[in-house]
Amino acid sequence: MDIFDLLSLLGGLSLFLFGMNVMGQSLERRAGSGLRSVECVFQRNSILHVIFTPT
């Protein structure tokens, strides 16, 4: 494994993480208020909160 392989690996990982960040931000903007209303329902009802909240 030479330096070019290492740089290629780091570049690929950087692009992947950047893409995941952009996709996450887009999903947050797109879902926006819909997810917030569902989240409020789960916070009000403790049984639903326990069942559907990942640990």
PDB file of N, CA and C in Angstrom:
ATOM      1  N   MET A   1       0.854  -1.169   0.000  1.00  0.00           N
ATOM      2  CA  MET A   1       0.000   0.000   0.000  1.00  0.00           C
ATOM      3  C   MET A   1       0.904   1.239   0.000  1.00  0.00           C
ATOM      4  N   ASP A   2       0.789   2.022  -1.025  1.00  0.00           N
ATOM      5  CA  ASP A   2       1.609   3.229  -1.093  1.00  0.00           C
ATOM      6  C   ASP A   2       0.784   4.463  -0.733  1.00  0.00           C
ATOM      7  N   ILE A   3       1.395   5.611  -0.825  1.00  0.00           N
ATOM      8  CA  ILE A   3       0.752   6.860  -0.425  1.00  0.00           C
ATOM      9  C   ILE A   3      -0.461   7.184  -1.296  1.00  0.00           C
ATOM     10  N   PHE A   4      -0.417   6.801  -2.572  1.00  0.00           N
ATOM     11  CA  PHE A   4      -1.549   7.075  -3.453  1.00  0.00           C
ATOM     12  C   PHE A   4      -2.778   6.288  -3.014  1.00  0.00           C
ATOM     13  N   ASP A   5      -2.586   5.040  -2.595  1.00  0.00           N
ATOM     14  CA  ASP A   5      -3.705   4.241  -2.108  1.00  0.00           C
ATOM     15  C   ASP A   5      -4.312   4.856  -0.849  1.00  0.00           C
ATOM     16  N   LEU A   6      -3.467   5.335   0.035  1.00  0.00           N
ATOM     17  CA  LEU A   6      -3.934   5.951   1.268  1.00  0.00           C
ATOM     18  C   LEU A   6      -4.715   7.237   0.980  1.00  0.00           C
ATOM     19  N   LEU A   7      -4.188   8.049   0.063  1.00  0.00           N
ATOM     20  CA  LEU A   7      -4.886   9.292  -0.292  1.00  0.00           C
ATOM     21  C   LEU A   7      -6.213   9.003  -0.992  1.00  0.00           C
ATOM     22  N   SER A   8      -6.232   7.969  -1.828  1.00  0.00           N
ATOM     23  CA  SER A   8      -7.483   7.585  -2.488  1.00  0.00           C
ATOM     24  C   SER A   8      -8.520   7.125  -1.471  1.00  0.00           C
ATOM     25  N   LEU A   9      -8.076   6.372  -0.481  1.00  0.00           N
ATOM     26  CA  LEU A   9      -8.973   5.904   0.571  1.00  0.00           C
ATOM     27  C   LEU A   9      -9.538   7.078   1.361  1.00  0.00           C
ATOM     28  N   LEU A  10      -8.678   8.007   1.745  1.00  0.00           N
ATOM     29  CA  LEU A  10      -9.132   9.175   2.501  1.00  0.00           C
ATOM     30  C   LEU A  10     -10.064  10.056   1.663  1.00  0.00           C
ATOM     31  N   GLY A  11      -9.754  10.215   0.387  1.00  0.00           N
ATOM     32  CA  GLY A  11     -10.615  11.014  -0.488  1.00  0.00           C
ATOM     33  C   GLY A  11     -11.984  10.376  -0.666  1.00  0.00           C
ATOM     34  N   GLY A  12     -12.013   9.073  -0.846  1.00  0.00           N
ATOM     35  CA  GLY A  12     -13.292   8.372  -0.990  1.00  0.00           C
ATOM     36  C   GLY A  12     -14.127   8.448   0.273  1.00  0.00           C
ATOM     37  N   LEU A  13     -13.475   8.274   1.416  1.00  0.00           N
ATOM     38  CA  LEU A  13     -14.180   8.372   2.691  1.00  0.00           C
ATOM     39  C   LEU A  13     -14.707   9.786   2.910  1.00  0.00           C
ATOM     40  N   SER A  14     -13.923  10.779   2.543  1.00  0.00           N
ATOM     41  CA  SER A  14     -14.360  12.177   2.691  1.00  0.00           C
ATOM     42  C   SER A  14     -15.573  12.472   1.827  1.00  0.00           C
ATOM     43  N   LEU A  15     -15.547  12.014   0.592  1.00  0.00           N
ATOM     44  CA  LEU A  15     -16.697  12.232  -0.288  1.00  0.00           C
ATOM     45  C   LEU A  15     -17.940  11.515   0.228  1.00  0.00           C
ATOM     46  N   PHE A  16     -17.772  10.307   0.744  1.00  0.00           N
ATOM     47  CA  PHE A  16     -18.900   9.560   1.295  1.00  0.00           C
ATOM     48  C   PHE A  16     -19.515  10.299   2.476  1.00  0.00           C
ATOM     49  N   LEU A  17     -18.678  10.752   3.405  1.00  0.00           N
ATOM     50  CA  LEU A  17     -19.192  11.459   4.580  1.00  0.00           C
ATOM     51  C   LEU A  17     -19.836  12.787   4.203  1.00  0.00           C
ATOM     52  N   PHE A  18     -19.263  13.477   3.236  1.00  0.00           N
ATOM     53  CA  PHE A  18     -19.868  14.720   2.762  1.00  0.00           C
ATOM     54  C   PHE A  18     -21.247  14.451   2.160  1.00  0.00           C
ATOM     55  N   GLY A  19     -21.357  13.403   1.353  1.00  0.00           N
ATOM     56  CA  GLY A  19     -22.639  13.050   0.751  1.00  0.00           C
ATOM     57  C   GLY A  19     -23.679  12.677   1.793  1.00  0.00           C
ATOM     58  N   MET A  20     -23.253  11.948   2.826  1.00  0.00           N
ATOM     59  CA  MET A  20     -24.190  11.588   3.895  1.00  0.00           C
ATOM     60  C   MET A  20     -24.665  12.825   4.645  1.00  0.00           C
ATOM     61  N   ASN A  21     -23.769  13.771   4.849  1.00  0.00           N
ATOM     62  CA  ASN A  21     -24.128  15.017   5.529  1.00  0.00           C
ATOM     63  C   ASN A  21     -25.141  15.809   4.700  1.00  0.00           C
ATOM     64  N   VAL A  22     -24.889  15.949   3.418  1.00  0.00           N
ATOM     65  CA  VAL A  22     -25.803  16.686   2.532  1.00  0.00           C
ATOM     66  C   VAL A  22     -27.170  16.002   2.480  1.00  0.00           C
ATOM     67  N   MET A  23     -27.162  14.666   2.372  1.00  0.00           N
ATOM     68  CA  MET A  23     -28.422  13.929   2.312  1.00  0.00           C
ATOM     69  C   MET A  23     -29.200  14.076   3.616  1.00  0.00           C
ATOM     70  N   GLY A  24     -28.513  14.037   4.761  1.00  0.00           N
ATOM     71  CA  GLY A  24     -29.185  14.201   6.047  1.00  0.00           C
ATOM     72  C   GLY A  24     -29.814  15.579   6.192  1.00  0.00           C
ATOM     73  N   GLN A  25     -29.099  16.602   5.762  1.00  0.00           N
ATOM     74  CA  GLN A  25     -29.644  17.956   5.833  1.00  0.00           C
ATOM     75  C   GLN A  25     -30.858  18.106   4.920  1.00  0.00           C
ATOM     76  N   SER A  26     -30.793  17.504   3.739  1.00  0.00           N
ATOM     77  CA  SER A  26     -31.923  17.579   2.806  1.00  0.00           C
ATOM     78  C   SER A  26     -33.144  16.867   3.369  1.00  0.00           C
ATOM     79  N   LEU A  27     -32.934  15.715   3.984  1.00  0.00           N
ATOM     80  CA  LEU A  27     -34.053  14.993   4.587  1.00  0.00           C
ATOM     81  C   LEU A  27     -34.667  15.781   5.737  1.00  0.00           C
ATOM     82  N   GLU A  28     -33.832  16.430   6.535  1.00  0.00           N
ATOM     83  CA  GLU A  28     -34.356  17.241   7.628  1.00  0.00           C
ATOM     84  C   GLU A  28     -35.204  18.394   7.105  1.00  0.00           C
ATOM     85  N   ARG A  29     -34.721  19.050   6.062  1.00  0.00           N
ATOM     86  CA  ARG A  29     -35.483  20.156   5.478  1.00  0.00           C
ATOM     87  C   ARG A  29     -36.782  19.672   4.864  1.00  0.00           C
ATOM     88  N   ARG A  30     -36.730  18.530   4.174  1.00  0.00           N
ATOM     89  CA  ARG A  30     -37.902  18.002   3.478  1.00  0.00           C
ATOM     90  C   ARG A  30     -38.963  17.523   4.453  1.00  0.00           C
ATOM     91  N   ALA A  31     -38.543  16.807   5.511  1.00  0.00           N
ATOM     92  CA  ALA A  31     -39.497  16.241   6.461  1.00  0.00           C
ATOM     93  C   ALA A  31     -39.998  17.311   7.426  1.00  0.00           C
ATOM     94  N   GLY A  32     -39.110  18.141   7.880  1.00  0.00           N
ATOM     95  CA  GLY A  32     -39.402  19.294   8.728  1.00  0.00           C
ATOM     96  C   GLY A  32     -40.524  19.143   9.730  1.00  0.00           C
ATOM     97  N   SER A  33     -41.628  19.822   9.481  1.00  0.00           N
ATOM     98  CA  SER A  33     -42.714  19.902  10.456  1.00  0.00           C
ATOM     99  C   SER A  33     -43.429  18.565  10.639  1.00  0.00           C
ATOM    100  N   GLY A  34     -43.420  17.726   9.623  1.00  0.00           N
ATOM    101  CA  GLY A  34     -44.075  16.419   9.756  1.00  0.00           C
ATOM    102  C   GLY A  34     -43.423  15.575  10.829  1.00  0.00           C
ATOM    103  N   LEU A  35     -42.103  15.556  10.849  1.00  0.00           N
ATOM    104  CA  LEU A  35     -41.399  14.792  11.873  1.00  0.00           C
ATOM    105  C   LEU A  35     -41.551  15.427  13.248  1.00  0.00           C
ATOM    106  N   ARG A  36     -41.615  16.735  13.292  1.00  0.00           N
ATOM    107  CA  ARG A  36     -41.766  17.390  14.581  1.00  0.00           C
ATOM    108  C   ARG A  36     -43.120  17.068  15.201  1.00  0.00           C
ATOM    109  N   SER A  37     -44.184  17.002  14.388  1.00  0.00           N
ATOM    110  CA  SER A  37     -45.497  16.686  14.938  1.00  0.00           C
ATOM    111  C   SER A  37     -45.558  15.246  15.437  1.00  0.00           C
ATOM    112  N   VAL A  38     -44.912  14.322  14.720  1.00  0.00           N
ATOM    113  CA  VAL A  38     -44.863  12.936  15.168  1.00  0.00           C
ATOM    114  C   VAL A  38     -44.056  12.841  16.457  1.00  0.00           C
ATOM    115  N   GLU A  39     -42.961  13.572  16.539  1.00  0.00           N
ATOM    116  CA  GLU A  39     -42.135  13.575  17.733  1.00  0.00           C
ATOM    117  C   GLU A  39     -42.907  14.096  18.938  1.00  0.00           C
ATOM    118  N   CYS A  40     -43.749  15.092  18.745  1.00  0.00           N
ATOM    119  CA  CYS A  40     -44.549  15.628  19.846  1.00  0.00           C
ATOM    120  C   CYS A  40     -45.532  14.580  20.358  1.00  0.00           C
ATOM    121  N   VAL A  41     -46.110  13.803  19.469  1.00  0.00           N
ATOM    122  CA  VAL A  41     -47.034  12.743  19.884  1.00  0.00           C
ATOM    123  C   VAL A  41     -46.303  11.726  20.741  1.00  0.00           C
ATOM    124  N   PHE A  42     -45.100  11.331  20.326  1.00  0.00           N
ATOM    125  CA  PHE A  42     -44.335  10.353  21.095  1.00  0.00           C
ATOM    126  C   PHE A  42     -43.922  10.911  22.454  1.00  0.00           C
ATOM    127  N   GLN A  43     -43.635  12.188  22.530  1.00  0.00           N
ATOM    128  CA  GLN A  43     -43.220  12.765  23.800  1.00  0.00           C
ATOM    129  C   GLN A  43     -44.385  12.894  24.769  1.00  0.00           C
ATOM    130  N   ARG A  44     -45.586  13.109  24.241  1.00  0.00           N
ATOM    131  CA  ARG A  44     -46.756  13.222  25.109  1.00  0.00           C
ATOM    132  C   ARG A  44     -47.210  11.867  25.635  1.00  0.00           C
ATOM    133  N   ASN A  45     -47.101  10.824  24.805  1.00  0.00           N
ATOM    134  CA  ASN A  45     -47.554   9.507  25.200  1.00  0.00           C
ATOM    135  C   ASN A  45     -46.340   8.658  25.581  1.00  0.00           C
ATOM    136  N   SER A  46     -46.153   8.412  26.872  1.00  0.00           N
ATOM    137  CA  SER A  46     -44.941   7.737  27.336  1.00  0.00           C
ATOM    138  C   SER A  46     -44.875   6.281  26.879  1.00  0.00           C
ATOM    139  N   ILE A  47     -46.000   5.617  26.688  1.00  0.00           N
ATOM    140  CA  ILE A  47     -45.982   4.228  26.218  1.00  0.00           C
ATOM    141  C   ILE A  47     -45.464   4.169  24.785  1.00  0.00           C
ATOM    142  N   LEU A  48     -45.942   5.046  23.908  1.00  0.00           N
ATOM    143  CA  LEU A  48     -45.433   5.087  22.538  1.00  0.00           C
ATOM    144  C   LEU A  48     -43.957   5.458  22.533  1.00  0.00           C
ATOM    145  N   HIS A  49     -43.581   6.347  23.423  1.00  0.00           N
ATOM    146  CA  HIS A  49     -42.178   6.768  23.504  1.00  0.00           C
ATOM    147  C   HIS A  49     -41.276   5.582  23.839  1.00  0.00           C
ATOM    148  N   VAL A  50     -41.687   4.759  24.793  1.00  0.00           N
ATOM    149  CA  VAL A  50     -40.892   3.601  25.194  1.00  0.00           C
ATOM    150  C   VAL A  50     -40.836   2.566  24.073  1.00  0.00           C
ATOM    151  N   ILE A  51     -41.952   2.351  23.387  1.00  0.00           N
ATOM    152  CA  ILE A  51     -42.010   1.317  22.338  1.00  0.00           C
ATOM    153  C   ILE A  51     -41.201   1.722  21.127  1.00  0.00           C
ATOM    154  N   PHE A  52     -41.301   2.948  20.677  1.00  0.00           N
ATOM    155  CA  PHE A  52     -40.725   3.348  19.396  1.00  0.00           C
ATOM    156  C   PHE A  52     -39.391   4.069  19.478  1.00  0.00           C
ATOM    157  N   THR A  53     -38.888   4.364  20.668  1.00  0.00           N
ATOM    158  CA  THR A  53     -37.616   5.060  20.780  1.00  0.00           C
ATOM    159  C   THR A  53     -36.487   4.054  20.796  1.00  0.00           C
ATOM    160  N   PRO A  54     -35.531   4.169  19.843  1.00  0.00           N
ATOM    161  CA  PRO A  54     -34.396   3.237  19.844  1.00  0.00           C
ATOM    162  C   PRO A  54     -33.496   3.501  21.051  1.00  0.00           C
ATOM    163  N   THR A  55     -32.828   2.462  21.488  1.00  0.00           N
ATOM    164  CA  THR A  55     -31.947   2.608  22.644  1.00  0.00           C
ATOM    165  C   THR A  55     -30.529   2.893  22.227  1.00  0.00           C
TER     166      THR A  55
END
